[in-house]
C-alpha cells in the first residue's frame, strides 16, 4: 500500500503475487514512485513504478563475458547518485546498475584468492561510497 500524508485510505502498489518470494525491497532515493525487489524464485530485479499500467522493468543483464546474468540477486542499496548495487549471491560478486541503466557492471567479484567474496547476501556503502 502507498499512503499519502493525512490520507484515510491507501493505494495498492504491489499485490501479494507481485511480492511473493521477495528477498529484498528498496525504495529509490531519487524517486518517491519507484521500488525495487529481488525474489528468491527469479534471477532478476524488478523495478515498480507507482500507478504504472505496465509490467515492471526488469534488470538481469550484466556486462561480463563469463556470467552475463544475475544468479540469485539478494540485498540491494543505492548511492547518492541513484546507482543501484546488488549482491549477486550465486555468482559471488557485487553488481552496480548505473542510474537509468538496466545493464549491470561488476564492481567486486571472487578471484579465487584469499580473502574470498563467497555468496554475498547484502551490500552497504558509507558516505565515501566504500
Protein backbone atom coordinates (compact mmCIF):
# COMPACT_ATOMS: atom_id res chain seq x y z
CA UNK A 1 0.00 0.00 0.00
CA UNK A 2 1.05 3.54 -0.67
CA UNK A 3 -0.22 6.16 1.76
CA UNK A 4 -0.02 9.88 1.26
CA UNK A 5 0.24 12.17 4.31
CA UNK A 6 -3.11 12.61 6.14
CA UNK A 7 -4.83 10.09 3.84
CA UNK A 8 -7.66 7.95 5.16
CA UNK A 9 -7.05 5.21 2.61
CA UNK A 10 -4.12 3.85 0.65
CA UNK A 11 -3.48 2.80 -2.92
CA UNK A 12 -2.45 -0.76 -3.73
CA UNK A 13 1.01 -0.54 -5.24
CA UNK A 14 2.04 -4.19 -5.27
CA UNK A 15 -0.17 -7.22 -4.77
CA UNK A 16 0.74 -10.38 -2.89
CA UNK A 17 1.50 -12.04 -6.26
CA UNK A 18 3.98 -9.25 -7.03
CA UNK A 19 5.94 -9.66 -3.82
CA UNK A 20 5.61 -13.43 -3.31
CA UNK A 21 9.10 -14.89 -2.65
CA UNK A 22 10.59 -11.39 -2.19
CA UNK A 23 14.06 -11.34 -0.65
CA UNK A 24 14.74 -7.60 -0.55
CA UNK A 25 12.86 -4.36 -1.20
CA UNK A 26 14.43 -0.91 -1.56
CA UNK A 27 12.93 2.44 -2.46
CA UNK A 28 14.78 4.68 -4.88
CA UNK A 29 16.26 7.71 -3.08
CA UNK A 30 15.84 9.81 -6.24
CA UNK A 31 12.18 8.97 -6.89
CA UNK A 32 9.30 8.58 -4.47
CA UNK A 33 7.42 6.50 -7.02
CA UNK A 34 9.90 3.67 -7.68
CA UNK A 35 10.50 0.49 -5.69
CA UNK A 36 12.95 -2.35 -6.42
CA UNK A 37 12.52 -6.00 -5.42
CA UNK A 38 14.55 -9.20 -5.63
CA UNK A 39 12.83 -12.58 -5.47
CA UNK A 40 14.02 -15.98 -4.28
CA UNK A 41 12.49 -17.75 -7.29
CA UNK A 42 13.71 -15.40 -10.06
CA UNK A 43 17.19 -14.29 -11.12
CA UNK A 44 16.05 -10.75 -11.75
CA UNK A 45 15.47 -7.37 -10.11
CA UNK A 46 12.05 -5.81 -10.64
CA UNK A 47 11.57 -2.04 -10.72
CA UNK A 48 8.00 -0.98 -9.99
CA UNK A 49 6.59 2.48 -10.59
CA UNK A 50 3.60 3.58 -8.53
CA UNK A 51 0.48 3.90 -10.64
CA UNK A 52 2.08 2.44 -13.77
CA UNK A 53 -0.25 0.47 -16.01
CA UNK A 54 2.56 -1.62 -17.47
CA UNK A 55 4.62 -4.50 -16.12
CA UNK A 56 7.68 -3.73 -14.02
CA UNK A 57 11.05 -3.05 -15.59
CA UNK A 58 13.48 -5.93 -15.15
CA UNK A 59 17.21 -5.95 -14.51
CA UNK A 60 19.20 -9.14 -15.05
CA UNK A 61 21.83 -8.44 -17.73
CA UNK A 62 25.43 -7.89 -16.61
CA UNK A 63 28.35 -6.66 -18.71
CA UNK A 64 30.55 -9.71 -18.02
CA UNK A 65 31.89 -12.16 -20.59
CA UNK A 66 31.65 -15.22 -18.32
CA UNK A 67 28.47 -14.60 -16.29
CA UNK A 68 26.15 -12.29 -18.21
CA UNK A 69 23.07 -12.60 -15.98
CA UNK A 70 22.28 -12.34 -12.29
CA UNK A 71 22.11 -15.55 -10.25
CA UNK A 72 20.15 -15.25 -7.00
CA UNK A 73 20.32 -11.46 -6.51
CA UNK A 74 19.89 -10.56 -2.87
CA UNK A 75 20.47 -7.38 -0.86
CA UNK A 76 20.39 -4.02 -2.61
CA UNK A 77 21.32 -0.43 -1.81
CA UNK A 78 21.62 2.90 -3.59
CA UNK A 79 24.34 5.52 -3.58
CA UNK A 80 23.65 9.25 -3.54
CA UNK A 81 23.81 9.35 -7.36
CA UNK A 82 20.95 6.88 -7.79
CA UNK A 83 23.16 3.91 -8.77
CA UNK A 84 21.81 0.54 -7.60
CA UNK A 85 24.16 -2.04 -6.03
CA UNK A 86 23.14 -5.68 -5.65
CA UNK A 87 24.71 -8.74 -4.04
CA UNK A 88 24.73 -11.33 -6.84
CA UNK A 89 24.88 -14.28 -4.45
CA UNK A 90 25.44 -17.36 -6.61
CA UNK A 91 27.83 -15.55 -8.96
CA UNK A 92 29.97 -14.48 -5.97
CA UNK A 93 30.03 -10.80 -6.90
CA UNK A 94 28.58 -7.32 -6.42
CA UNK A 95 26.98 -5.64 -9.43
CA UNK A 96 26.21 -1.94 -9.94
CA UNK A 97 23.40 -0.71 -12.18
CA UNK A 98 24.06 2.92 -13.09
CA UNK A 99 21.09 5.25 -12.74
CA UNK A 100 18.77 4.86 -15.74
CA UNK A 101 20.53 1.68 -16.96
CA UNK A 102 19.25 -1.91 -16.96
CA UNK A 103 22.67 -3.47 -17.66
CA UNK A 104 24.93 -4.04 -14.67
CA UNK A 105 28.67 -3.62 -14.19
CA UNK A 106 30.67 -5.98 -11.95
CA UNK A 107 32.42 -3.92 -9.26
CA UNK A 108 33.63 -6.73 -6.98
CA UNK A 109 33.93 -10.46 -7.54
CA UNK A 110 35.59 -13.58 -6.25
CA UNK A 111 39.01 -14.01 -7.84
CA UNK A 112 39.79 -17.36 -6.28
CA UNK A 113 42.37 -15.92 -3.89
CA UNK A 114 42.01 -15.05 -0.23
CA UNK A 115 40.05 -13.33 1.05
CA UNK A 116 37.16 -14.71 -0.96
CA UNK A 117 33.92 -12.99 -1.89
CA UNK A 118 31.72 -16.01 -1.28
CA UNK A 119 27.93 -15.87 -1.70
CA UNK A 120 27.31 -12.20 -0.70
CA UNK A 121 23.79 -11.50 0.54
CA UNK A 122 23.98 -7.79 1.41
CA UNK A 123 25.61 -4.57 0.22
CA UNK A 124 26.31 -1.42 2.24
CA UNK A 125 28.06 1.84 1.39
CA UNK A 126 29.49 4.52 3.63
CA UNK A 127 29.40 8.26 2.93
CA UNK A 128 32.58 7.92 0.81
CA UNK A 129 30.95 5.19 -1.31
CA UNK A 130 33.23 2.49 0.17
